[in-house]
């Protein structure tokens, strides 16, 4: 069976399996199967990192502790969240959305972690017009925790099958890409030591150039995105320096990288990382990026970055 057919079958089965809400906890809580209690989404993940986002139901966890969706999702149409509350409220109103009732089987209270930096630049949403606010909201059917025995049997059978098909199709696709891609498997590690040394020799020429220049050099940025954004494959076949490792070099937490990668393919994690570093440290230079790439063994990316050194500084 071709990889495309396997992926299509996996997606079909995934759509057939309903996402079941927690049988034990309220909307803003998740079931802790180890301690047999309901934990707070806020105390585990912290507040939403970006404006106009709210917690997914049960913070994206099922009652087995597995992630079935991202902990945060965008606000529904007509609702905003500029205060980083747990739930979105109506735009233009300072009143927050009502918080669902907490469950009785609550885990021990603990301080909520601080809000993580948002990896994207969001514009302040405009207040909906009177025509939009007056339109009646379409109420979605409420979830029910009662499922028939055949549905439970389908759920038990389909979930493992979906996971096996997804992993198999991903492995086949990665193997195919590795054979036909010019970047197989990690060009930085296949490049000779002399090439890495030659690329590092260009670093002094980048010292006087700001990191923000990379956001203007779109061709160079796109080449780096192709090299650094792909994630490691199963078994670590592509476990070389990626944007995730580069973010760690700049001191960003793993949760930031996880959120940045969840926004693919509409937003590049590498571009989000450069924008974050430039906003936090305007004096950051290209040679610092080159040093991190050399430490990660990414001579291929370092060679692409050296194009900015050969082209010289931008004219004033």
C-alpha atoms as a PDB file:
ATOM      1  CA  UNK A   1       0.000   0.000   0.000  1.00  0.00           C
ATOM      2  CA  UNK A   2       1.306   3.449  -0.907  1.00  0.00           C
ATOM      3  CA  UNK A   3       2.073   5.990   1.858  1.00  0.00           C
ATOM      4  CA  UNK A   4      -0.693   8.276   0.554  1.00  0.00           C
ATOM      5  CA  UNK A   5      -3.258   5.472   0.922  1.00  0.00           C
ATOM      6  CA  UNK A   6      -2.084   4.657   4.443  1.00  0.00           C
ATOM      7  CA  UNK A   7      -2.306   8.312   5.465  1.00  0.00           C
ATOM      8  CA  UNK A   8      -5.779   8.669   3.944  1.00  0.00           C
ATOM      9  CA  UNK A   9      -7.005   5.566   5.785  1.00  0.00           C
ATOM     10  CA  UNK A  10      -5.535   6.855   9.066  1.00  0.00           C
ATOM     11  CA  UNK A  11      -7.192  10.249   8.676  1.00  0.00           C
ATOM     12  CA  UNK A  12     -10.529   8.578   7.830  1.00  0.00           C
ATOM     13  CA  UNK A  13     -10.398   6.464  10.982  1.00  0.00           C
ATOM     14  CA  UNK A  14      -9.289   9.443  13.060  1.00  0.00           C
ATOM     15  CA  UNK A  15     -12.358  11.387  11.907  1.00  0.00           C
ATOM     16  CA  UNK A  16     -14.590   8.438  12.762  1.00  0.00           C
ATOM     17  CA  UNK A  17     -13.332   8.364  16.364  1.00  0.00           C
ATOM     18  CA  UNK A  18     -15.087  11.049  18.455  1.00  0.00           C
ATOM     19  CA  UNK A  19     -13.120  13.147  20.906  1.00  0.00           C
ATOM     20  CA  UNK A  20     -14.610  12.206  24.235  1.00  0.00           C
ATOM     21  CA  UNK A  21     -14.737  14.763  27.022  1.00  0.00           C
ATOM     22  CA  UNK A  22     -13.465  13.796  30.453  1.00  0.00           C
ATOM     23  CA  UNK A  23     -15.794  11.520  32.378  1.00  0.00           C
ATOM     24  CA  UNK A  24     -14.540  12.883  35.715  1.00  0.00           C
ATOM     25  CA  UNK A  25     -13.540  16.533  35.379  1.00  0.00           C
ATOM     26  CA  UNK A  26     -14.994  19.853  34.257  1.00  0.00           C
ATOM     27  CA  UNK A  27     -13.977  21.736  31.117  1.00  0.00           C
ATOM     28  CA  UNK A  28     -10.960  23.538  32.617  1.00  0.00           C
ATOM     29  CA  UNK A  29      -9.611  20.452  34.386  1.00  0.00           C
ATOM     30  CA  UNK A  30      -7.943  17.209  33.325  1.00  0.00           C
ATOM     31  CA  UNK A  31      -8.030  13.751  34.871  1.00  0.00           C
ATOM     32  CA  UNK A  32      -4.809  12.623  36.548  1.00  0.00           C
ATOM     33  CA  UNK A  33      -4.883   8.803  36.172  1.00  0.00           C
ATOM     34  CA  UNK A  34      -1.968   8.325  38.591  1.00  0.00           C
ATOM     35  CA  UNK A  35      -3.451  10.256  41.510  1.00  0.00           C
ATOM     36  CA  UNK A  36      -7.100   9.651  40.546  1.00  0.00           C
ATOM     37  CA  UNK A  37      -8.058  13.315  40.794  1.00  0.00           C
ATOM     38  CA  UNK A  38      -8.806  16.360  38.634  1.00  0.00           C
ATOM     39  CA  UNK A  39      -5.968  18.841  38.096  1.00  0.00           C
ATOM     40  CA  UNK A  40      -6.263  22.442  36.992  1.00  0.00           C
ATOM     41  CA  UNK A  41      -5.295  23.240  33.396  1.00  0.00           C
ATOM     42  CA  UNK A  42      -4.068  26.656  34.552  1.00  0.00           C
ATOM     43  CA  UNK A  43      -1.811  25.136  37.223  1.00  0.00           C
ATOM     44  CA  UNK A  44      -0.277  22.706  34.724  1.00  0.00           C
ATOM     45  CA  UNK A  45       0.184  24.818  31.576  1.00  0.00           C
ATOM     46  CA  UNK A  46      -0.067  28.400  32.819  1.00  0.00           C
ATOM     47  CA  UNK A  47      -2.285  31.023  31.162  1.00  0.00           C
ATOM     48  CA  UNK A  48      -2.683  31.135  27.351  1.00  0.00           C
ATOM     49  CA  UNK A  49       0.606  32.444  25.881  1.00  0.00           C
ATOM     50  CA  UNK A  50      -1.037  34.548  23.146  1.00  0.00           C
ATOM     51  CA  UNK A  51      -4.014  36.904  23.073  1.00  0.00           C
ATOM     52  CA  UNK A  52      -7.300  35.571  21.694  1.00  0.00           C
ATOM     53  CA  UNK A  53      -6.488  31.999  22.741  1.00  0.00           C
ATOM     54  CA  UNK A  54      -8.211  29.922  25.418  1.00  0.00           C
ATOM     55  CA  UNK A  55      -7.877  26.455  26.935  1.00  0.00           C
ATOM     56  CA  UNK A  56      -9.075  23.515  24.883  1.00  0.00           C
ATOM     57  CA  UNK A  57     -11.542  21.242  26.624  1.00  0.00           C
ATOM     58  CA  UNK A  58      -9.735  19.382  29.424  1.00  0.00           C
ATOM     59  CA  UNK A  59      -6.552  21.132  28.092  1.00  0.00           C
ATOM     60  CA  UNK A  60      -6.441  18.649  25.219  1.00  0.00           C
ATOM     61  CA  UNK A  61      -5.976  15.568  27.430  1.00  0.00           C
ATOM     62  CA  UNK A  62      -8.122  12.462  27.637  1.00  0.00           C
ATOM     63  CA  UNK A  63      -8.736  10.426  30.781  1.00  0.00           C
ATOM     64  CA  UNK A  64      -5.712   8.219  29.995  1.00  0.00           C
ATOM     65  CA  UNK A  65      -3.352  11.214  30.138  1.00  0.00           C
ATOM     66  CA  UNK A  66      -2.766  11.282  26.365  1.00  0.00           C
ATOM     67  CA  UNK A  67      -2.649  14.509  24.325  1.00  0.00           C
ATOM     68  CA  UNK A  68      -5.485  14.403  21.793  1.00  0.00           C
ATOM     69  CA  UNK A  69      -5.244  18.097  20.857  1.00  0.00           C
ATOM     70  CA  UNK A  70      -3.191  21.189  21.688  1.00  0.00           C
ATOM     71  CA  UNK A  71      -3.769  22.654  25.196  1.00  0.00           C
ATOM     72  CA  UNK A  72      -4.819  26.012  23.671  1.00  0.00           C
ATOM     73  CA  UNK A  73      -7.085  26.971  20.785  1.00  0.00           C
ATOM     74  CA  UNK A  74      -8.199  30.230  19.153  1.00  0.00           C
ATOM     75  CA  UNK A  75     -11.235  32.046  20.492  1.00  0.00           C
ATOM     76  CA  UNK A  76     -14.545  31.367  18.726  1.00  0.00           C
ATOM     77  CA  UNK A  77     -15.849  33.988  16.317  1.00  0.00           C
ATOM     78  CA  UNK A  78     -17.033  37.109  18.127  1.00  0.00           C
ATOM     79  CA  UNK A  79     -15.013  36.400  21.279  1.00  0.00           C
ATOM     80  CA  UNK A  80     -11.654  37.775  22.429  1.00  0.00           C
ATOM     81  CA  UNK A  81      -9.145  37.226  25.234  1.00  0.00           C
ATOM     82  CA  UNK A  82      -6.790  40.167  25.750  1.00  0.00           C
ATOM     83  CA  UNK A  83      -6.415  39.439  29.493  1.00  0.00           C
ATOM     84  CA  UNK A  84      -4.985  35.917  28.992  1.00  0.00           C
ATOM     85  CA  UNK A  85      -7.879  34.442  30.953  1.00  0.00           C
ATOM     86  CA  UNK A  86      -8.706  30.745  30.931  1.00  0.00           C
ATOM     87  CA  UNK A  87     -11.675  31.269  28.605  1.00  0.00           C
ATOM     88  CA  UNK A  88     -12.536  33.882  25.988  1.00  0.00           C
ATOM     89  CA  UNK A  89     -15.235  36.502  26.505  1.00  0.00           C
ATOM     90  CA  UNK A  90     -17.257  38.683  24.168  1.00  0.00           C
ATOM     91  CA  UNK A  91     -15.149  41.278  22.324  1.00  0.00           C
ATOM     92  CA  UNK A  92     -15.415  44.829  23.658  1.00  0.00           C
ATOM     93  CA  UNK A  93     -16.590  43.641  27.076  1.00  0.00           C
ATOM     94  CA  UNK A  94     -14.387  43.668  30.169  1.00  0.00           C
ATOM     95  CA  UNK A  95     -16.399  40.864  31.738  1.00  0.00           C
ATOM     96  CA  UNK A  96     -14.743  37.512  31.526  1.00  0.00           C
ATOM     97  CA  UNK A  97     -16.477  34.340  30.456  1.00  0.00           C
ATOM     98  CA  UNK A  98     -18.040  32.367  33.286  1.00  0.00           C
ATOM     99  CA  UNK A  99     -15.822  29.616  34.672  1.00  0.00           C
ATOM    100  CA  UNK A 100     -17.366  26.121  34.740  1.00  0.00           C
ATOM    101  CA  UNK A 101     -17.964  24.521  38.108  1.00  0.00           C
ATOM    102  CA  UNK A 102     -14.976  22.685  39.529  1.00  0.00           C
ATOM    103  CA  UNK A 103     -15.200  18.956  40.201  1.00  0.00           C
ATOM    104  CA  UNK A 104     -15.161  17.478  43.673  1.00  0.00           C
ATOM    105  CA  UNK A 105     -12.228  15.095  43.115  1.00  0.00           C
ATOM    106  CA  UNK A 106      -9.644  17.880  42.855  1.00  0.00           C
ATOM    107  CA  UNK A 107      -5.909  17.369  43.065  1.00  0.00           C
ATOM    108  CA  UNK A 108      -3.755  19.286  45.496  1.00  0.00           C
ATOM    109  CA  UNK A 109      -3.526  22.998  44.648  1.00  0.00           C
ATOM    110  CA  UNK A 110      -0.209  24.321  43.391  1.00  0.00           C
ATOM    111  CA  UNK A 111       0.944  27.689  41.988  1.00  0.00           C
ATOM    112  CA  UNK A 112       0.321  28.245  38.281  1.00  0.00           C
ATOM    113  CA  UNK A 113       3.477  28.668  36.152  1.00  0.00           C
ATOM    114  CA  UNK A 114       4.078  32.098  34.582  1.00  0.00           C
ATOM    115  CA  UNK A 115       2.802  32.909  31.107  1.00  0.00           C
ATOM    116  CA  UNK A 116       5.159  31.811  28.339  1.00  0.00           C
ATOM    117  CA  UNK A 117       6.171  34.373  25.664  1.00  0.00           C
ATOM    118  CA  UNK A 118       3.952  34.329  22.590  1.00  0.00           C
ATOM    119  CA  UNK A 119       5.853  33.116  19.489  1.00  0.00           C
ATOM    120  CA  UNK A 120       3.730  35.241  17.147  1.00  0.00           C
ATOM    121  CA  UNK A 121       2.944  38.918  16.709  1.00  0.00           C
ATOM    122  CA  UNK A 122      -0.815  39.409  16.997  1.00  0.00           C
ATOM    123  CA  UNK A 123      -2.735  42.547  16.077  1.00  0.00           C
ATOM    124  CA  UNK A 124      -5.347  43.849  18.491  1.00  0.00           C
ATOM    125  CA  UNK A 125      -8.666  42.481  17.242  1.00  0.00           C
ATOM    126  CA  UNK A 126     -11.264  45.017  16.205  1.00  0.00           C
ATOM    127  CA  UNK A 127     -14.605  45.101  17.990  1.00  0.00           C
ATOM    128  CA  UNK A 128     -17.227  43.367  15.852  1.00  0.00           C
ATOM    129  CA  UNK A 129     -19.796  45.579  14.172  1.00  0.00           C
ATOM    130  CA  UNK A 130     -23.337  45.802  15.442  1.00  0.00           C
ATOM    131  CA  UNK A 131     -24.454  43.540  12.603  1.00  0.00           C
ATOM    132  CA  UNK A 132     -22.012  40.865  13.683  1.00  0.00           C
ATOM    133  CA  UNK A 133     -22.845  41.092  17.369  1.00  0.00           C
ATOM    134  CA  UNK A 134     -26.566  40.984  16.715  1.00  0.00           C
ATOM    135  CA  UNK A 135     -26.372  37.796  14.682  1.00  0.00           C
ATOM    136  CA  UNK A 136     -27.492  34.831  16.757  1.00  0.00           C
ATOM    137  CA  UNK A 137     -24.761  32.473  17.856  1.00  0.00           C
ATOM    138  CA  UNK A 138     -24.992  28.937  16.585  1.00  0.00           C
ATOM    139  CA  UNK A 139     -25.036  26.693  19.593  1.00  0.00           C
ATOM    140  CA  UNK A 140     -23.161  23.457  19.168  1.00  0.00           C
ATOM    141  CA  UNK A 141     -24.760  20.313  20.530  1.00  0.00           C
ATOM    142  CA  UNK A 142     -23.663  19.607  24.071  1.00  0.00           C
ATOM    143  CA  UNK A 143     -21.380  16.686  24.687  1.00  0.00           C
ATOM    144  CA  UNK A 144     -22.777  13.664  26.432  1.00  0.00           C
ATOM    145  CA  UNK A 145     -20.791  11.184  28.431  1.00  0.00           C
ATOM    146  CA  UNK A 146     -23.155   8.314  27.628  1.00  0.00           C
ATOM    147  CA  UNK A 147     -21.968   6.124  24.761  1.00  0.00           C
ATOM    148  CA  UNK A 148     -23.435   2.861  23.652  1.00  0.00           C
ATOM    149  CA  UNK A 149     -21.463  -0.364  23.907  1.00  0.00           C
ATOM    150  CA  UNK A 150     -20.753  -0.557  20.120  1.00  0.00           C
ATOM    151  CA  UNK A 151     -19.321   2.980  20.189  1.00  0.00           C
ATOM    152  CA  UNK A 152     -17.037   2.096  23.082  1.00  0.00           C
ATOM    153  CA  UNK A 153     -15.861  -1.012  21.228  1.00  0.00           C
ATOM    154  CA  UNK A 154     -15.169   1.038  18.102  1.00  0.00           C
ATOM    155  CA  UNK A 155     -13.238   3.584  20.159  1.00  0.00           C
ATOM    156  CA  UNK A 156     -11.123   0.889  21.804  1.00  0.00           C
ATOM    157  CA  UNK A 157     -10.314  -0.760  18.471  1.00  0.00           C
ATOM    158  CA  UNK A 158      -9.867   2.314  16.292  1.00  0.00           C
ATOM    159  CA  UNK A 159      -7.469   4.344  18.455  1.00  0.00           C
ATOM    160  CA  UNK A 160      -4.585   1.828  18.428  1.00  0.00           C
ATOM    161  CA  UNK A 161      -5.163   1.174  14.718  1.00  0.00           C
ATOM    162  CA  UNK A 162      -5.017   4.890  13.923  1.00  0.00           C
ATOM    163  CA  UNK A 163      -1.775   5.263  15.865  1.00  0.00           C
ATOM    164  CA  UNK A 164      -0.172   2.269  14.106  1.00  0.00           C
ATOM    165  CA  UNK A 165      -1.207   3.540  10.665  1.00  0.00           C
ATOM    166  CA  UNK A 166       0.025   7.048  11.384  1.00  0.00           C
ATOM    167  CA  UNK A 167       3.407   5.872  12.642  1.00  0.00           C
ATOM    168  CA  UNK A 168       3.790   3.444   9.707  1.00  0.00           C
ATOM    169  CA  UNK A 169       2.848   6.029   7.084  1.00  0.00           C
ATOM    170  CA  UNK A 170       5.119   8.632   8.675  1.00  0.00           C
ATOM    171  CA  UNK A 171       8.052   6.203   8.678  1.00  0.00           C
ATOM    172  CA  UNK A 172       7.486   5.318   5.006  1.00  0.00           C
ATOM    173  CA  UNK A 173       7.169   8.969   4.016  1.00  0.00           C
ATOM    174  CA  UNK A 174      10.334   9.901   5.882  1.00  0.00           C
ATOM    175  CA  UNK A 175      12.219   7.020   4.274  1.00  0.00           C
ATOM    176  CA  UNK A 176      11.048   8.183   0.838  1.00  0.00           C
ATOM    177  CA  UNK A 177      12.014  11.782   1.558  1.00  0.00           C
ATOM    178  CA  UNK A 178      15.425  10.731   2.829  1.00  0.00           C
ATOM    179  CA  UNK A 179      16.137   8.879  -0.419  1.00  0.00           C
ATOM    180  CA  UNK A 180      15.055  11.697  -2.721  1.00  0.00           C
ATOM    181  CA  UNK A 181      15.776  14.800  -0.683  1.00  0.00           C
ATOM    182  CA  UNK A 182      19.043  16.685  -1.359  1.00  0.00           C
ATOM    183  CA  UNK A 183      19.323  17.213   2.415  1.00  0.00           C
ATOM    184  CA  UNK A 184      19.488  13.487   3.376  1.00  0.00           C
ATOM    185  CA  UNK A 185      19.837  12.777   6.191  1.00  0.00           C
ATOM    186  CA  UNK A 186      21.441  15.798   7.791  1.00  0.00           C
ATOM    187  CA  UNK A 187      23.826  17.575   5.446  1.00  0.00           C
ATOM    188  CA  UNK A 188      25.589  19.314   8.321  1.00  0.00           C
ATOM    189  CA  UNK A 189      26.910  16.018   9.651  1.00  0.00           C
ATOM    190  CA  UNK A 190      27.878  14.696   6.204  1.00  0.00           C
ATOM    191  CA  UNK A 191      29.921  17.778   5.391  1.00  0.00           C
ATOM    192  CA  UNK A 192      33.668  17.523   5.832  1.00  0.00           C
ATOM    193  CA  UNK A 193      35.381  19.138   8.786  1.00  0.00           C
ATOM    194  CA  UNK A 194      37.202  21.457   6.391  1.00  0.00           C
ATOM    195  CA  UNK A 195      33.886  22.793   5.106  1.00  0.00           C
ATOM    196  CA  UNK A 196      32.728  23.500   8.669  1.00  0.00           C
ATOM    197  CA  UNK A 197      35.985  25.297   9.476  1.00  0.00           C
ATOM    198  CA  UNK A 198      35.721  27.318   6.264  1.00  0.00           C
ATOM    199  CA  UNK A 199      32.174  28.350   7.135  1.00  0.00           C
ATOM    200  CA  UNK A 200      33.177  29.310  10.678  1.00  0.00           C
ATOM    201  CA  UNK A 201      35.862  31.573   9.187  1.00  0.00           C
ATOM    202  CA  UNK A 202      33.053  33.803   7.895  1.00  0.00           C
ATOM    203  CA  UNK A 203      31.711  34.459  11.404  1.00  0.00           C
ATOM    204  CA  UNK A 204      33.858  37.558  12.086  1.00  0.00           C
ATOM    205  CA  UNK A 205      32.334  39.148   8.959  1.00  0.00           C
ATOM    206  CA  UNK A 206      28.879  38.705  10.472  1.00  0.00           C
ATOM    207  CA  UNK A 207      29.693  40.279  13.838  1.00  0.00           C
ATOM    208  CA  UNK A 208      28.754  43.808  12.758  1.00  0.00           C
ATOM    209  CA  UNK A 209      25.457  42.765  11.166  1.00  0.00           C
ATOM    210  CA  UNK A 210      22.248  42.604  13.239  1.00  0.00           C
ATOM    211  CA  UNK A 211      20.170  39.458  13.418  1.00  0.00           C
ATOM    212  CA  UNK A 212      17.170  41.461  12.198  1.00  0.00           C
ATOM    213  CA  UNK A 213      18.752  41.593   8.735  1.00  0.00           C
ATOM    214  CA  UNK A 214      17.841  37.952   8.275  1.00  0.00           C
ATOM    215  CA  UNK A 215      14.133  38.914   8.307  1.00  0.00           C
ATOM    216  CA  UNK A 216      14.770  41.127   5.249  1.00  0.00           C
ATOM    217  CA  UNK A 217      16.882  38.583   3.352  1.00  0.00           C
ATOM    218  CA  UNK A 218      13.955  36.356   2.391  1.00  0.00           C
ATOM    219  CA  UNK A 219      15.865  33.999   0.091  1.00  0.00           C
ATOM    220  CA  UNK A 220      18.446  33.187   2.766  1.00  0.00           C
ATOM    221  CA  UNK A 221      15.713  32.885   5.412  1.00  0.00           C
ATOM    222  CA  UNK A 222      13.702  30.451   3.268  1.00  0.00           C
ATOM    223  CA  UNK A 223      16.773  28.258   2.731  1.00  0.00           C
ATOM    224  CA  UNK A 224      17.389  28.141   6.487  1.00  0.00           C
ATOM    225  CA  UNK A 225      13.719  27.305   7.124  1.00  0.00           C
ATOM    226  CA  UNK A 226      13.960  24.305   4.776  1.00  0.00           C
ATOM    227  CA  UNK A 227      17.083  23.083   6.578  1.00  0.00           C
ATOM    228  CA  UNK A 228      16.213  23.770  10.234  1.00  0.00           C
ATOM    229  CA  UNK A 229      12.416  23.525  10.654  1.00  0.00           C
ATOM    230  CA  UNK A 230      11.950  19.778   9.871  1.00  0.00           C
ATOM    231  CA  UNK A 231      11.562  17.666  13.010  1.00  0.00           C
ATOM    232  CA  UNK A 232      13.589  14.505  13.843  1.00  0.00           C
ATOM    233  CA  UNK A 233      12.156  11.288  12.436  1.00  0.00           C
ATOM    234  CA  UNK A 234      11.295   8.079  14.317  1.00  0.00           C
ATOM    235  CA  UNK A 235      14.275   6.536  16.071  1.00  0.00           C
ATOM    236  CA  UNK A 236      16.308   9.717  15.697  1.00  0.00           C
ATOM    237  CA  UNK A 237      17.112   9.157  12.016  1.00  0.00           C
ATOM    238  CA  UNK A 238      17.116  12.924  11.515  1.00  0.00           C
ATOM    239  CA  UNK A 239      18.153  13.843  15.039  1.00  0.00           C
ATOM    240  CA  UNK A 240      20.377  16.748  14.071  1.00  0.00           C
ATOM    241  CA  UNK A 241      20.232  20.399  15.082  1.00  0.00           C
ATOM    242  CA  UNK A 242      16.760  21.829  14.325  1.00  0.00           C
ATOM    243  CA  UNK A 243      14.973  25.060  15.157  1.00  0.00           C
ATOM    244  CA  UNK A 244      13.912  23.396  18.420  1.00  0.00           C
ATOM    245  CA  UNK A 245      17.583  22.909  19.407  1.00  0.00           C
ATOM    246  CA  UNK A 246      18.410  26.421  18.216  1.00  0.00           C
ATOM    247  CA  UNK A 247      15.654  27.884  20.440  1.00  0.00           C
ATOM    248  CA  UNK A 248      17.205  26.093  23.415  1.00  0.00           C
ATOM    249  CA  UNK A 249      20.545  27.754  22.605  1.00  0.00           C
ATOM    250  CA  UNK A 250      18.790  31.131  22.873  1.00  0.00           C
ATOM    251  CA  UNK A 251      17.361  30.150  26.267  1.00  0.00           C
ATOM    252  CA  UNK A 252      13.721  29.624  25.261  1.00  0.00           C
ATOM    253  CA  UNK A 253      11.829  26.856  27.116  1.00  0.00           C
ATOM    254  CA  UNK A 254      10.708  23.635  25.436  1.00  0.00           C
ATOM    255  CA  UNK A 255       7.053  24.652  25.820  1.00  0.00           C
ATOM    256  CA  UNK A 256       7.694  27.653  23.562  1.00  0.00           C
ATOM    257  CA  UNK A 257       9.096  25.389  20.837  1.00  0.00           C
ATOM    258  CA  UNK A 258       6.155  23.008  21.189  1.00  0.00           C
ATOM    259  CA  UNK A 259       3.689  25.852  20.712  1.00  0.00           C
ATOM    260  CA  UNK A 260       5.670  27.320  17.786  1.00  0.00           C
ATOM    261  CA  UNK A 261       5.763  23.960  16.010  1.00  0.00           C
ATOM    262  CA  UNK A 262       2.014  23.480  16.563  1.00  0.00           C
ATOM    263  CA  UNK A 263       1.362  26.506  14.333  1.00  0.00           C
ATOM    264  CA  UNK A 264       2.970  24.909  11.274  1.00  0.00           C
ATOM    265  CA  UNK A 265       2.621  25.128   8.315  1.00  0.00           C
ATOM    266  CA  UNK A 266       1.039  28.590   8.433  1.00  0.00           C
ATOM    267  CA  UNK A 267       3.939  29.970  10.506  1.00  0.00           C
ATOM    268  CA  UNK A 268       7.604  28.932  10.422  1.00  0.00           C
ATOM    269  CA  UNK A 269       9.116  28.117  13.854  1.00  0.00           C
ATOM    270  CA  UNK A 270      12.481  29.527  12.705  1.00  0.00           C
ATOM    271  CA  UNK A 271      10.965  32.857  11.644  1.00  0.00           C
ATOM    272  CA  UNK A 272       9.053  33.033  14.938  1.00  0.00           C
ATOM    273  CA  UNK A 273      12.325  32.348  16.796  1.00  0.00           C
ATOM    274  CA  UNK A 274      14.217  35.127  14.950  1.00  0.00           C
ATOM    275  CA  UNK A 275      11.381  37.595  15.620  1.00  0.00           C
ATOM    276  CA  UNK A 276      11.311  36.629  19.307  1.00  0.00           C
ATOM    277  CA  UNK A 277      15.099  37.013  19.741  1.00  0.00           C
ATOM    278  CA  UNK A 278      15.155  40.360  17.886  1.00  0.00           C
ATOM    279  CA  UNK A 279      12.264  41.696  19.992  1.00  0.00           C
ATOM    280  CA  UNK A 280      13.866  40.534  23.246  1.00  0.00           C
ATOM    281  CA  UNK A 281      17.455  41.460  22.343  1.00  0.00           C
ATOM    282  CA  UNK A 282      17.687  44.063  19.527  1.00  0.00           C
ATOM    283  CA  UNK A 283      21.498  43.978  19.692  1.00  0.00           C
ATOM    284  CA  UNK A 284      21.640  40.276  18.706  1.00  0.00           C
ATOM    285  CA  UNK A 285      24.006  39.708  15.790  1.00  0.00           C
ATOM    286  CA  UNK A 286      24.306  37.208  12.967  1.00  0.00           C
ATOM    287  CA  UNK A 287      27.618  35.850  14.244  1.00  0.00           C
ATOM    288  CA  UNK A 288      25.892  34.630  17.417  1.00  0.00           C
ATOM    289  CA  UNK A 289      23.457  32.648  15.238  1.00  0.00           C
ATOM    290  CA  UNK A 290      26.435  31.328  13.254  1.00  0.00           C
ATOM    291  CA  UNK A 291      28.177  30.240  16.455  1.00  0.00           C
ATOM    292  CA  UNK A 292      25.105  28.280  17.580  1.00  0.00           C
ATOM    293  CA  UNK A 293      24.809  26.622  14.156  1.00  0.00           C
ATOM    294  CA  UNK A 294      28.478  25.590  14.352  1.00  0.00           C
ATOM    295  CA  UNK A 295      27.941  24.161  17.849  1.00  0.00           C
ATOM    296  CA  UNK A 296      25.018  22.111  16.508  1.00  0.00           C
ATOM    297  CA  UNK A 297      27.182  20.819  13.650  1.00  0.00           C
ATOM    298  CA  UNK A 298      24.964  22.410  10.999  1.00  0.00           C
ATOM    299  CA  UNK A 299      27.634  23.299   8.442  1.00  0.00           C
ATOM    300  CA  UNK A 300      24.952  23.308   5.727  1.00  0.00           C
ATOM    301  CA  UNK A 301      22.981  26.066   7.446  1.00  0.00           C
ATOM    302  CA  UNK A 302      26.204  27.895   8.282  1.00  0.00           C
ATOM    303  CA  UNK A 303      27.152  27.941   4.610  1.00  0.00           C
ATOM    304  CA  UNK A 304      23.767  29.456   3.742  1.00  0.00           C
ATOM    305  CA  UNK A 305      24.199  32.090   6.456  1.00  0.00           C
ATOM    306  CA  UNK A 306      27.667  32.939   5.139  1.00  0.00           C
ATOM    307  CA  UNK A 307      26.018  34.365   2.002  1.00  0.00           C
ATOM    308  CA  UNK A 308      25.177  37.426   4.102  1.00  0.00           C
ATOM    309  CA  UNK A 309      28.855  37.811   5.004  1.00  0.00           C
ATOM    310  CA  UNK A 310      29.974  37.681   1.371  1.00  0.00           C
ATOM    311  CA  UNK A 311      27.292  40.199   0.365  1.00  0.00           C
ATOM    312  CA  UNK A 312      28.488  42.628   3.053  1.00  0.00           C
ATOM    313  CA  UNK A 313      26.537  44.936   5.322  1.00  0.00           C
ATOM    314  CA  UNK A 314      23.436  46.661   4.043  1.00  0.00           C
ATOM    315  CA  UNK A 315      23.891  50.195   2.755  1.00  0.00           C
ATOM    316  CA  UNK A 316      22.766  52.878   5.155  1.00  0.00           C
END
